[in-house]
Amino acid sequence: MKTSCQQDIALVAIGHVLIEPDVLSAMFRCNVKRCKGMCCVAGEKGAPVLSKEVEQIEKNLEAVKKYLPEKNRQVIEKEGIYEAYRGDLYLMTVEGRECVFAKINEEGVAECMLERAFENGETDFQKPISCHLYPIRVRAHLGTDYLVYSQIPECESGRECGATQNVAMVEFLKPALERKYGKKWTEQLLHYARSRRLAQH
């Protein structure tokens, strides 16, 4: 593990991954009752998705479709499940708003139907890793992954919840980080982040 002595302004490198200091210090815990799942709705594009994830979604599509509203199914049938923009892939949206795989429930909360089908044991794909990791985003930097903290207004309740309950973002996102980078790497990250927070207090 390599780190810089100027940790407040420099990137931290753990293994092959570069990390912004804000990722390590942020307090965050989703508060869906307040935010209404706006990360599935906000933004100009849908969630970033990898080509291999597109293949997995397409393989499981029929099992997921039954959970989707009719308007979502129509978008999929007419436009597909993703769009390409400047070399990257994004899940399609419904009328430029919610993800094509989101369903707004009776309480106004956007729920992921990819995850619903997965939790019900009907598919082998949970959801795109970009969704699982949010509000951490994975960027490319000199041929390696570069983790940044995406702070959107819609997630203010998550920041408040994390601060109130003293939950670090990297601790909250441990399952997603393990899915992306494995347990060993994630334990290295958590150990460093915990040590860093202790040193700052």
N, C-alpha and C. Protein backbone atom coordinates (compact mmCIF):
# COMPACT_ATOMS: atom_id res chain seq x y z
N MET A 1 0.84 -1.20 0.00
CA MET A 1 0.00 0.00 0.00
C MET A 1 0.87 1.24 0.00
N LYS A 2 0.61 2.16 -0.89
CA LYS A 2 1.39 3.38 -0.98
C LYS A 2 0.48 4.56 -0.66
N THR A 3 0.99 5.48 0.14
CA THR A 3 0.25 6.69 0.44
C THR A 3 1.19 7.86 0.38
N SER A 4 0.64 9.05 0.26
CA SER A 4 1.45 10.25 0.25
C SER A 4 1.45 10.89 1.61
N CYS A 5 2.55 11.57 1.96
CA CYS A 5 2.59 12.28 3.24
C CYS A 5 1.68 13.49 3.20
N GLN A 6 1.27 13.91 1.99
CA GLN A 6 0.32 15.02 1.86
C GLN A 6 -1.07 14.45 1.61
N GLN A 7 -1.57 13.71 2.57
CA GLN A 7 -2.81 12.96 2.37
C GLN A 7 -4.03 13.84 2.18
N ASP A 8 -3.98 15.07 2.70
CA ASP A 8 -5.16 15.91 2.62
C ASP A 8 -5.43 16.39 1.19
N ILE A 9 -4.38 16.41 0.34
CA ILE A 9 -4.58 16.91 -1.00
C ILE A 9 -4.22 15.88 -2.07
N ALA A 10 -3.47 14.85 -1.69
CA ALA A 10 -3.00 13.88 -2.68
C ALA A 10 -3.89 12.65 -2.69
N LEU A 11 -3.86 11.96 -3.82
CA LEU A 11 -4.58 10.70 -3.91
C LEU A 11 -3.89 9.65 -3.05
N VAL A 12 -4.67 8.70 -2.58
CA VAL A 12 -4.15 7.56 -1.84
C VAL A 12 -4.19 6.36 -2.78
N ALA A 13 -3.13 5.57 -2.77
CA ALA A 13 -3.08 4.37 -3.61
C ALA A 13 -3.08 3.14 -2.72
N ILE A 14 -4.08 2.30 -2.92
CA ILE A 14 -4.15 1.01 -2.22
C ILE A 14 -4.18 -0.06 -3.29
N GLY A 15 -3.13 -0.85 -3.35
CA GLY A 15 -3.00 -1.80 -4.43
C GLY A 15 -2.96 -1.07 -5.75
N HIS A 16 -3.81 -1.45 -6.66
CA HIS A 16 -3.84 -0.87 -8.00
C HIS A 16 -4.90 0.22 -8.14
N VAL A 17 -5.48 0.65 -7.03
CA VAL A 17 -6.60 1.60 -7.08
C VAL A 17 -6.22 2.93 -6.43
N LEU A 18 -6.51 4.03 -7.13
CA LEU A 18 -6.31 5.37 -6.59
C LEU A 18 -7.60 5.85 -5.95
N ILE A 19 -7.47 6.59 -4.83
CA ILE A 19 -8.65 6.98 -4.07
C ILE A 19 -8.54 8.44 -3.64
N GLU A 20 -9.61 9.20 -3.86
CA GLU A 20 -9.65 10.57 -3.37
C GLU A 20 -9.79 10.56 -1.85
N PRO A 21 -9.12 11.47 -1.15
CA PRO A 21 -9.23 11.52 0.31
C PRO A 21 -10.67 11.64 0.82
N ASP A 22 -11.53 12.34 0.06
CA ASP A 22 -12.93 12.50 0.48
C ASP A 22 -13.64 11.15 0.60
N VAL A 23 -13.26 10.20 -0.21
CA VAL A 23 -13.87 8.87 -0.15
C VAL A 23 -13.59 8.23 1.21
N LEU A 24 -12.40 8.46 1.74
CA LEU A 24 -11.98 7.86 3.00
C LEU A 24 -12.56 8.56 4.21
N SER A 25 -12.80 9.85 4.10
CA SER A 25 -13.24 10.62 5.27
C SER A 25 -14.75 10.84 5.36
N ALA A 26 -15.46 10.64 4.25
CA ALA A 26 -16.90 10.94 4.23
C ALA A 26 -17.71 10.04 5.15
N MET A 27 -18.71 10.63 5.78
CA MET A 27 -19.68 9.89 6.58
C MET A 27 -20.96 9.80 5.74
N PHE A 28 -21.48 8.59 5.59
CA PHE A 28 -22.64 8.44 4.70
C PHE A 28 -23.37 7.14 4.99
N ARG A 29 -24.69 7.23 4.99
CA ARG A 29 -25.54 6.06 5.06
C ARG A 29 -26.87 6.38 4.39
N CYS A 30 -27.24 5.60 3.39
CA CYS A 30 -28.47 5.88 2.64
C CYS A 30 -29.67 6.00 3.58
N ASN A 31 -30.52 6.96 3.26
CA ASN A 31 -31.75 7.16 4.01
C ASN A 31 -32.89 7.23 2.99
N VAL A 32 -33.26 6.06 2.48
CA VAL A 32 -34.17 5.98 1.34
C VAL A 32 -35.55 6.57 1.65
N LYS A 33 -35.97 6.50 2.91
CA LYS A 33 -37.28 7.06 3.25
C LYS A 33 -37.35 8.56 2.98
N ARG A 34 -36.19 9.20 3.07
CA ARG A 34 -36.16 10.65 2.81
C ARG A 34 -35.77 11.00 1.38
N CYS A 35 -34.78 10.29 0.84
CA CYS A 35 -34.31 10.65 -0.51
C CYS A 35 -35.18 10.06 -1.61
N LYS A 36 -35.98 9.05 -1.27
CA LYS A 36 -36.90 8.42 -2.23
C LYS A 36 -36.18 7.71 -3.38
N GLY A 37 -34.92 7.29 -3.13
CA GLY A 37 -34.19 6.58 -4.17
C GLY A 37 -33.85 7.45 -5.36
N MET A 38 -33.54 8.72 -5.09
CA MET A 38 -33.31 9.67 -6.19
C MET A 38 -32.06 9.36 -7.00
N CYS A 39 -31.14 8.54 -6.49
CA CYS A 39 -29.97 8.18 -7.29
C CYS A 39 -30.39 7.35 -8.51
N CYS A 40 -31.59 6.76 -8.46
CA CYS A 40 -32.13 6.01 -9.61
C CYS A 40 -32.88 6.92 -10.57
N VAL A 41 -32.98 8.20 -10.21
CA VAL A 41 -33.78 9.14 -11.00
C VAL A 41 -32.96 10.34 -11.48
N ALA A 42 -32.10 10.88 -10.61
CA ALA A 42 -31.37 12.11 -10.92
C ALA A 42 -30.28 11.86 -11.96
N GLY A 43 -29.94 12.92 -12.70
CA GLY A 43 -28.84 12.84 -13.66
C GLY A 43 -29.31 12.89 -15.09
N GLU A 44 -28.40 13.31 -15.97
CA GLU A 44 -28.74 13.42 -17.39
C GLU A 44 -28.79 12.06 -18.08
N LYS A 45 -28.01 11.11 -17.57
CA LYS A 45 -27.98 9.77 -18.14
C LYS A 45 -28.36 8.75 -17.07
N GLY A 46 -28.61 7.52 -17.52
CA GLY A 46 -28.84 6.44 -16.58
C GLY A 46 -27.53 6.01 -15.93
N ALA A 47 -27.57 4.96 -15.16
CA ALA A 47 -26.38 4.49 -14.47
C ALA A 47 -25.33 3.99 -15.44
N PRO A 48 -24.05 4.31 -15.19
CA PRO A 48 -22.98 3.72 -16.02
C PRO A 48 -23.02 2.20 -15.92
N VAL A 49 -22.79 1.54 -17.03
CA VAL A 49 -22.87 0.07 -17.04
C VAL A 49 -21.75 -0.47 -17.92
N LEU A 50 -21.17 -1.60 -17.54
CA LEU A 50 -20.11 -2.22 -18.29
C LEU A 50 -20.70 -3.15 -19.36
N SER A 51 -19.94 -3.38 -20.41
CA SER A 51 -20.44 -4.24 -21.49
C SER A 51 -20.77 -5.64 -20.97
N LYS A 52 -19.96 -6.16 -20.05
CA LYS A 52 -20.23 -7.49 -19.51
C LYS A 52 -21.50 -7.49 -18.65
N GLU A 53 -21.80 -6.33 -18.05
CA GLU A 53 -23.03 -6.22 -17.27
C GLU A 53 -24.24 -6.17 -18.19
N VAL A 54 -24.10 -5.51 -19.33
CA VAL A 54 -25.18 -5.48 -20.32
C VAL A 54 -25.52 -6.91 -20.72
N GLU A 55 -24.50 -7.72 -20.96
CA GLU A 55 -24.72 -9.12 -21.33
C GLU A 55 -25.46 -9.87 -20.23
N GLN A 56 -25.07 -9.62 -18.97
CA GLN A 56 -25.73 -10.30 -17.85
C GLN A 56 -27.18 -9.87 -17.70
N ILE A 57 -27.43 -8.58 -17.89
CA ILE A 57 -28.81 -8.08 -17.80
C ILE A 57 -29.66 -8.67 -18.91
N GLU A 58 -29.12 -8.69 -20.12
CA GLU A 58 -29.88 -9.24 -21.24
C GLU A 58 -30.20 -10.71 -21.03
N LYS A 59 -29.27 -11.44 -20.43
CA LYS A 59 -29.49 -12.86 -20.15
C LYS A 59 -30.64 -13.05 -19.15
N ASN A 60 -30.80 -12.11 -18.23
CA ASN A 60 -31.81 -12.23 -17.18
C ASN A 60 -33.05 -11.36 -17.43
N LEU A 61 -33.11 -10.75 -18.60
CA LEU A 61 -34.13 -9.73 -18.86
C LEU A 61 -35.56 -10.22 -18.70
N GLU A 62 -35.86 -11.40 -19.19
CA GLU A 62 -37.24 -11.88 -19.13
C GLU A 62 -37.73 -12.03 -17.70
N ALA A 63 -36.83 -12.43 -16.80
CA ALA A 63 -37.22 -12.60 -15.39
C ALA A 63 -37.48 -11.25 -14.73
N VAL A 64 -36.85 -10.20 -15.24
CA VAL A 64 -36.97 -8.87 -14.64
C VAL A 64 -38.18 -8.12 -15.19
N LYS A 65 -38.49 -8.34 -16.46
CA LYS A 65 -39.54 -7.57 -17.13
C LYS A 65 -40.88 -7.59 -16.39
N LYS A 66 -41.22 -8.72 -15.79
CA LYS A 66 -42.53 -8.82 -15.15
C LYS A 66 -42.70 -7.85 -13.99
N TYR A 67 -41.60 -7.35 -13.45
CA TYR A 67 -41.67 -6.42 -12.33
C TYR A 67 -41.77 -4.96 -12.79
N LEU A 68 -41.55 -4.73 -14.07
CA LEU A 68 -41.47 -3.36 -14.58
C LEU A 68 -42.83 -2.81 -14.99
N PRO A 69 -43.03 -1.50 -14.82
CA PRO A 69 -44.24 -0.86 -15.35
C PRO A 69 -44.28 -0.98 -16.87
N GLU A 70 -45.46 -0.88 -17.43
CA GLU A 70 -45.63 -1.02 -18.88
C GLU A 70 -44.79 -0.01 -19.65
N LYS A 71 -44.73 1.24 -19.16
CA LYS A 71 -43.97 2.26 -19.89
C LYS A 71 -42.48 1.91 -19.94
N ASN A 72 -41.98 1.26 -18.91
CA ASN A 72 -40.58 0.85 -18.91
C ASN A 72 -40.35 -0.26 -19.93
N ARG A 73 -41.27 -1.21 -19.97
CA ARG A 73 -41.14 -2.31 -20.93
C ARG A 73 -41.18 -1.80 -22.36
N GLN A 74 -41.99 -0.78 -22.61
CA GLN A 74 -42.08 -0.21 -23.95
C GLN A 74 -40.77 0.45 -24.35
N VAL A 75 -40.12 1.14 -23.40
CA VAL A 75 -38.82 1.76 -23.69
C VAL A 75 -37.81 0.69 -24.06
N ILE A 76 -37.80 -0.40 -23.30
CA ILE A 76 -36.85 -1.49 -23.58
C ILE A 76 -37.10 -2.10 -24.95
N GLU A 77 -38.36 -2.31 -25.27
CA GLU A 77 -38.69 -2.92 -26.56
C GLU A 77 -38.35 -2.01 -27.74
N LYS A 78 -38.51 -0.69 -27.56
CA LYS A 78 -38.26 0.25 -28.65
C LYS A 78 -36.80 0.70 -28.73
N GLU A 79 -36.15 0.88 -27.56
CA GLU A 79 -34.83 1.50 -27.55
C GLU A 79 -33.73 0.62 -26.96
N GLY A 80 -34.11 -0.50 -26.34
CA GLY A 80 -33.11 -1.36 -25.71
C GLY A 80 -32.89 -0.99 -24.26
N ILE A 81 -31.89 -1.60 -23.65
CA ILE A 81 -31.66 -1.38 -22.21
C ILE A 81 -30.54 -0.40 -21.93
N TYR A 82 -29.78 -0.02 -22.95
CA TYR A 82 -28.67 0.90 -22.70
C TYR A 82 -28.45 1.82 -23.90
N GLU A 83 -27.68 2.87 -23.66
CA GLU A 83 -27.28 3.77 -24.73
C GLU A 83 -25.79 4.06 -24.60
N ALA A 84 -25.16 4.37 -25.70
CA ALA A 84 -23.73 4.70 -25.70
C ALA A 84 -23.57 6.20 -25.82
N TYR A 85 -22.61 6.74 -25.06
CA TYR A 85 -22.34 8.18 -25.11
C TYR A 85 -20.86 8.40 -24.84
N ARG A 86 -20.18 8.95 -25.82
CA ARG A 86 -18.75 9.27 -25.74
C ARG A 86 -17.92 8.07 -25.27
N GLY A 87 -18.25 6.93 -25.83
CA GLY A 87 -17.46 5.74 -25.56
C GLY A 87 -17.85 4.96 -24.32
N ASP A 88 -18.81 5.47 -23.56
CA ASP A 88 -19.27 4.77 -22.36
C ASP A 88 -20.71 4.31 -22.53
N LEU A 89 -21.12 3.33 -21.73
CA LEU A 89 -22.48 2.80 -21.79
C LEU A 89 -23.27 3.21 -20.55
N TYR A 90 -24.54 3.50 -20.75
CA TYR A 90 -25.43 3.91 -19.66
C TYR A 90 -26.77 3.20 -19.81
N LEU A 91 -27.37 2.83 -18.70
CA LEU A 91 -28.71 2.25 -18.75
C LEU A 91 -29.69 3.28 -19.29
N MET A 92 -30.66 2.80 -20.03
CA MET A 92 -31.68 3.68 -20.59
C MET A 92 -32.55 4.26 -19.48
N THR A 93 -33.13 5.42 -19.73
CA THR A 93 -34.05 6.03 -18.78
C THR A 93 -35.45 6.13 -19.39
N VAL A 94 -36.41 6.39 -18.55
CA VAL A 94 -37.79 6.59 -19.00
C VAL A 94 -38.06 8.08 -19.05
N GLU A 95 -38.20 8.60 -20.24
CA GLU A 95 -38.47 10.03 -20.46
C GLU A 95 -37.42 10.91 -19.79
N GLY A 96 -36.16 10.45 -19.81
CA GLY A 96 -35.08 11.24 -19.25
C GLY A 96 -35.08 11.35 -17.74
N ARG A 97 -35.84 10.46 -17.08
CA ARG A 97 -35.90 10.53 -15.62
C ARG A 97 -35.39 9.22 -15.00
N GLU A 98 -36.30 8.43 -14.45
CA GLU A 98 -35.85 7.24 -13.72
C GLU A 98 -35.26 6.19 -14.64
N CYS A 99 -34.37 5.39 -14.06
CA CYS A 99 -33.77 4.26 -14.76
C CYS A 99 -34.86 3.34 -15.29
N VAL A 100 -34.61 2.75 -16.45
CA VAL A 100 -35.60 1.88 -17.06
C VAL A 100 -35.89 0.65 -16.19
N PHE A 101 -35.01 0.35 -15.23
CA PHE A 101 -35.23 -0.78 -14.34
C PHE A 101 -35.73 -0.35 -12.96
N ALA A 102 -36.13 0.89 -12.84
CA ALA A 102 -36.68 1.40 -11.57
C ALA A 102 -38.21 1.40 -11.61
N LYS A 103 -38.78 1.14 -10.48
CA LYS A 103 -40.24 1.22 -10.33
C LYS A 103 -40.55 2.10 -9.13
N ILE A 104 -41.42 3.07 -9.32
CA ILE A 104 -41.79 3.97 -8.23
C ILE A 104 -42.92 3.33 -7.43
N ASN A 105 -42.67 3.07 -6.15
CA ASN A 105 -43.68 2.38 -5.34
C ASN A 105 -44.73 3.34 -4.81
N GLU A 106 -45.65 2.82 -4.01
CA GLU A 106 -46.77 3.63 -3.53
C GLU A 106 -46.32 4.77 -2.62
N GLU A 107 -45.15 4.66 -2.04
CA GLU A 107 -44.62 5.72 -1.18
C GLU A 107 -43.75 6.71 -1.96
N GLY A 108 -43.69 6.53 -3.27
CA GLY A 108 -42.91 7.45 -4.09
C GLY A 108 -41.43 7.15 -4.14
N VAL A 109 -41.05 5.96 -3.69
CA VAL A 109 -39.64 5.57 -3.67
C VAL A 109 -39.29 4.78 -4.91
N ALA A 110 -38.19 5.13 -5.56
CA ALA A 110 -37.72 4.39 -6.73
C ALA A 110 -37.00 3.14 -6.27
N GLU A 111 -37.47 1.98 -6.70
CA GLU A 111 -36.87 0.70 -6.32
C GLU A 111 -36.29 0.02 -7.55
N CYS A 112 -35.17 -0.67 -7.37
CA CYS A 112 -34.50 -1.35 -8.47
C CYS A 112 -35.11 -2.74 -8.68
N MET A 113 -35.66 -2.96 -9.87
CA MET A 113 -36.28 -4.25 -10.15
C MET A 113 -35.25 -5.30 -10.55
N LEU A 114 -34.07 -4.89 -10.96
CA LEU A 114 -32.98 -5.86 -11.15
C LEU A 114 -32.67 -6.50 -9.80
N GLU A 115 -32.59 -5.67 -8.77
CA GLU A 115 -32.28 -6.18 -7.44
C GLU A 115 -33.45 -6.98 -6.87
N ARG A 116 -34.67 -6.57 -7.18
CA ARG A 116 -35.84 -7.31 -6.70
C ARG A 116 -35.82 -8.74 -7.23
N ALA A 117 -35.59 -8.90 -8.53
CA ALA A 117 -35.54 -10.23 -9.13
C ALA A 117 -34.39 -11.05 -8.57
N PHE A 118 -33.25 -10.40 -8.33
CA PHE A 118 -32.09 -11.08 -7.76
C PHE A 118 -32.39 -11.57 -6.34
N GLU A 119 -32.95 -10.70 -5.52
CA GLU A 119 -33.27 -11.06 -4.13
C GLU A 119 -34.32 -12.16 -4.06
N ASN A 120 -35.17 -12.24 -5.06
CA ASN A 120 -36.18 -13.29 -5.11
C ASN A 120 -35.65 -14.59 -5.71
N GLY A 121 -34.35 -14.61 -6.00
CA GLY A 121 -33.72 -15.83 -6.50
C GLY A 121 -34.04 -16.16 -7.94
N GLU A 122 -34.47 -15.15 -8.71
CA GLU A 122 -34.87 -15.41 -10.09
C GLU A 122 -33.78 -15.09 -11.11
N THR A 123 -32.73 -14.39 -10.69
CA THR A 123 -31.62 -14.06 -11.58
C THR A 123 -30.30 -14.23 -10.82
N ASP A 124 -29.20 -14.16 -11.57
CA ASP A 124 -27.87 -14.25 -10.96
C ASP A 124 -27.11 -12.93 -11.07
N PHE A 125 -27.83 -11.84 -11.33
CA PHE A 125 -27.19 -10.52 -11.45
C PHE A 125 -27.91 -9.53 -10.54
N GLN A 126 -27.17 -8.95 -9.60
CA GLN A 126 -27.79 -8.07 -8.60
C GLN A 126 -28.18 -6.71 -9.17
N LYS A 127 -27.20 -5.99 -9.67
CA LYS A 127 -27.39 -4.68 -10.31
C LYS A 127 -26.01 -4.20 -10.76
N PRO A 128 -25.93 -3.17 -11.61
CA PRO A 128 -24.62 -2.68 -12.03
C PRO A 128 -23.77 -2.27 -10.84
N ILE A 129 -22.48 -2.51 -10.93
CA ILE A 129 -21.60 -2.17 -9.82
C ILE A 129 -21.59 -0.67 -9.56
N SER A 130 -21.85 0.14 -10.59
CA SER A 130 -21.90 1.59 -10.39
C SER A 130 -23.04 1.98 -9.46
N CYS A 131 -24.14 1.25 -9.50
CA CYS A 131 -25.28 1.49 -8.61
C CYS A 131 -24.95 1.02 -7.19
N HIS A 132 -24.34 -0.16 -7.10
CA HIS A 132 -24.01 -0.76 -5.81
C HIS A 132 -23.02 0.10 -5.05
N LEU A 133 -22.08 0.73 -5.76
CA LEU A 133 -21.03 1.53 -5.13
C LEU A 133 -21.46 2.97 -4.83
N TYR A 134 -22.52 3.43 -5.42
CA TYR A 134 -22.88 4.84 -5.30
C TYR A 134 -23.10 5.24 -3.83
N PRO A 135 -22.58 6.41 -3.38
CA PRO A 135 -22.09 7.55 -4.14
C PRO A 135 -20.59 7.56 -4.49
N ILE A 136 -19.92 6.42 -4.39
CA ILE A 136 -18.58 6.31 -4.95
C ILE A 136 -18.71 6.03 -6.45
N ARG A 137 -17.94 6.76 -7.23
CA ARG A 137 -17.88 6.53 -8.66
C ARG A 137 -16.47 6.06 -9.04
N VAL A 138 -16.38 5.16 -10.00
CA VAL A 138 -15.10 4.66 -10.49
C VAL A 138 -14.75 5.37 -11.79
N ARG A 139 -13.67 6.12 -11.77
CA ARG A 139 -13.17 6.78 -12.97
C ARG A 139 -11.90 6.08 -13.44
N ALA A 140 -11.46 6.40 -14.63
CA ALA A 140 -10.20 5.86 -15.16
C ALA A 140 -9.13 6.93 -15.03
N HIS A 141 -7.94 6.53 -14.55
CA HIS A 141 -6.83 7.48 -14.39
C HIS A 141 -5.53 6.76 -14.70
N LEU A 142 -4.91 7.12 -15.80
CA LEU A 142 -3.63 6.52 -16.20
C LEU A 142 -3.69 5.00 -16.21
N GLY A 143 -4.80 4.48 -16.72
CA GLY A 143 -4.92 3.04 -16.86
C GLY A 143 -5.32 2.29 -15.62
N THR A 144 -5.70 3.00 -14.56
CA THR A 144 -6.11 2.32 -13.35
C THR A 144 -7.41 2.93 -12.82
N ASP A 145 -8.06 2.25 -11.90
CA ASP A 145 -9.30 2.78 -11.31
C ASP A 145 -8.98 3.93 -10.36
N TYR A 146 -9.88 4.88 -10.34
CA TYR A 146 -9.73 6.09 -9.54
C TYR A 146 -11.08 6.35 -8.87
N LEU A 147 -11.17 6.20 -7.56
CA LEU A 147 -12.43 6.32 -6.84
C LEU A 147 -12.66 7.75 -6.39
N VAL A 148 -13.84 8.28 -6.75
CA VAL A 148 -14.21 9.64 -6.36
C VAL A 148 -15.56 9.61 -5.64
N TYR A 149 -15.81 10.64 -4.86
CA TYR A 149 -17.04 10.77 -4.10
C TYR A 149 -17.97 11.71 -4.85
N SER A 150 -19.09 11.19 -5.33
CA SER A 150 -20.08 11.98 -6.05
C SER A 150 -21.08 12.56 -5.06
N GLN A 151 -21.02 13.87 -4.86
CA GLN A 151 -21.89 14.51 -3.87
C GLN A 151 -23.00 15.30 -4.57
N ILE A 152 -24.17 14.69 -4.67
CA ILE A 152 -25.30 15.35 -5.30
C ILE A 152 -26.27 15.84 -4.23
N PRO A 153 -27.02 16.91 -4.50
CA PRO A 153 -27.95 17.45 -3.50
C PRO A 153 -28.96 16.41 -3.01
N GLU A 154 -29.37 15.51 -3.89
CA GLU A 154 -30.39 14.51 -3.54
C GLU A 154 -29.93 13.56 -2.45
N CYS A 155 -28.61 13.48 -2.21
CA CYS A 155 -28.07 12.57 -1.19
C CYS A 155 -27.77 13.27 0.14
N GLU A 156 -28.26 14.49 0.32
CA GLU A 156 -28.01 15.22 1.56
C GLU A 156 -28.48 14.44 2.78
N SER A 157 -29.62 13.76 2.66
CA SER A 157 -30.14 12.99 3.81
C SER A 157 -29.21 11.84 4.16
N GLY A 158 -28.53 11.27 3.16
CA GLY A 158 -27.56 10.21 3.41
C GLY A 158 -26.34 10.73 4.15
N ARG A 159 -25.91 11.94 3.80
CA ARG A 159 -24.78 12.55 4.50
C ARG A 159 -25.15 12.87 5.94
N GLU A 160 -26.36 13.38 6.13
CA GLU A 160 -26.83 13.68 7.49
C GLU A 160 -26.95 12.40 8.33
N CYS A 161 -27.48 11.35 7.72
CA CYS A 161 -27.66 10.08 8.43
C CYS A 161 -26.30 9.50 8.81
N GLY A 162 -25.34 9.54 7.90
CA GLY A 162 -24.01 9.03 8.20
C GLY A 162 -23.35 9.78 9.32
N ALA A 163 -23.48 11.12 9.30
CA ALA A 163 -22.87 11.94 10.35
C ALA A 163 -23.54 11.69 11.70
N THR A 164 -24.87 11.60 11.70
CA THR A 164 -25.61 11.39 12.95
C THR A 164 -25.31 10.03 13.56
N GLN A 165 -25.24 8.99 12.71
CA GLN A 165 -25.01 7.63 13.20
C GLN A 165 -23.52 7.24 13.20
N ASN A 166 -22.66 8.17 12.80
CA ASN A 166 -21.21 7.95 12.79
C ASN A 166 -20.84 6.73 11.93
N VAL A 167 -21.38 6.71 10.72
CA VAL A 167 -21.11 5.62 9.78
C VAL A 167 -20.26 6.16 8.63
N ALA A 168 -19.06 5.64 8.48
CA ALA A 168 -18.21 6.04 7.37
C ALA A 168 -18.74 5.47 6.06
N MET A 169 -18.61 6.22 4.99
CA MET A 169 -19.12 5.78 3.69
C MET A 169 -18.49 4.46 3.26
N VAL A 170 -17.17 4.30 3.49
CA VAL A 170 -16.52 3.07 3.05
C VAL A 170 -16.99 1.86 3.87
N GLU A 171 -17.41 2.09 5.12
CA GLU A 171 -17.96 1.00 5.92
C GLU A 171 -19.35 0.63 5.41
N PHE A 172 -20.15 1.63 5.10
CA PHE A 172 -21.49 1.39 4.58
C PHE A 172 -21.44 0.65 3.24
N LEU A 173 -20.43 0.96 2.43
CA LEU A 173 -20.32 0.37 1.10
C LEU A 173 -19.41 -0.86 1.07
N LYS A 174 -19.09 -1.40 2.22
CA LYS A 174 -18.19 -2.57 2.27
C LYS A 174 -18.64 -3.71 1.34
N PRO A 175 -19.92 -4.13 1.34
CA PRO A 175 -20.33 -5.22 0.44
C PRO A 175 -20.08 -4.91 -1.04
N ALA A 176 -20.33 -3.67 -1.42
CA ALA A 176 -20.12 -3.28 -2.82
C ALA A 176 -18.63 -3.25 -3.16
N LEU A 177 -17.81 -2.76 -2.24
CA LEU A 177 -16.37 -2.72 -2.46
C LEU A 177 -15.80 -4.13 -2.56
N GLU A 178 -16.31 -5.04 -1.73
CA GLU A 178 -15.86 -6.44 -1.80
C GLU A 178 -16.28 -7.07 -3.13
N ARG A 179 -17.45 -6.74 -3.58
CA ARG A 179 -17.92 -7.28 -4.87
C ARG A 179 -17.02 -6.79 -6.01
N LYS A 180 -16.58 -5.54 -5.93
CA LYS A 180 -15.76 -4.96 -7.00
C LYS A 180 -14.30 -5.39 -6.92
N TYR A 181 -13.72 -5.35 -5.70
CA TYR A 181 -12.28 -5.53 -5.57
C TYR A 181 -11.85 -6.71 -4.70
N GLY A 182 -12.80 -7.41 -4.08
CA GLY A 182 -12.45 -8.56 -3.26
C GLY A 182 -12.28 -8.21 -1.79
N LYS A 183 -12.32 -9.22 -0.94
CA LYS A 183 -12.27 -9.01 0.51
C LYS A 183 -10.92 -8.50 0.98
N LYS A 184 -9.84 -9.07 0.44
CA LYS A 184 -8.50 -8.68 0.91
C LYS A 184 -8.24 -7.19 0.66
N TRP A 185 -8.52 -6.73 -0.55
CA TRP A 185 -8.32 -5.32 -0.87
C TRP A 185 -9.21 -4.44 0.00
N THR A 186 -10.46 -4.84 0.16
CA THR A 186 -11.40 -4.03 0.94
C THR A 186 -10.95 -3.93 2.39
N GLU A 187 -10.43 -4.99 2.96
CA GLU A 187 -9.93 -4.93 4.34
C GLU A 187 -8.74 -3.98 4.44
N GLN A 188 -7.89 -3.96 3.42
CA GLN A 188 -6.77 -3.00 3.41
C GLN A 188 -7.30 -1.57 3.40
N LEU A 189 -8.30 -1.34 2.57
CA LEU A 189 -8.90 -0.01 2.49
C LEU A 189 -9.51 0.40 3.82
N LEU A 190 -10.30 -0.47 4.41
CA LEU A 190 -10.97 -0.15 5.67
C LEU A 190 -9.98 0.07 6.79
N HIS A 191 -8.93 -0.74 6.84
CA HIS A 191 -7.90 -0.57 7.87
C HIS A 191 -7.24 0.80 7.74
N TYR A 192 -6.90 1.17 6.51
CA TYR A 192 -6.27 2.46 6.29
C TYR A 192 -7.22 3.61 6.64
N ALA A 193 -8.47 3.49 6.21
CA ALA A 193 -9.45 4.55 6.47
C ALA A 193 -9.70 4.72 7.97
N ARG A 194 -9.79 3.61 8.70
CA ARG A 194 -10.00 3.68 10.15
C ARG A 194 -8.80 4.33 10.84
N SER A 195 -7.61 3.93 10.44
CA SER A 195 -6.38 4.50 11.03
C SER A 195 -6.29 5.98 10.74
N ARG A 196 -6.67 6.36 9.54
CA ARG A 196 -6.62 7.77 9.14
C ARG A 196 -7.59 8.61 9.97
N ARG A 197 -8.80 8.07 10.19
CA ARG A 197 -9.78 8.81 10.98
C ARG A 197 -9.32 8.96 12.44
N LEU A 198 -8.73 7.90 12.99
CA LEU A 198 -8.23 7.97 14.38
C LEU A 198 -7.13 9.00 14.50
N ALA A 199 -6.26 9.06 13.50
CA ALA A 199 -5.15 10.00 13.54
C ALA A 199 -5.63 11.45 13.47
N GLN A 200 -6.79 11.66 12.89
CA GLN A 200 -7.31 13.02 12.73
C GLN A 200 -8.11 13.48 13.93
N HIS A 201 -8.32 12.60 14.89
CA HIS A 201 -9.09 12.97 16.10
C HIS A 201 -8.19 13.01 17.32
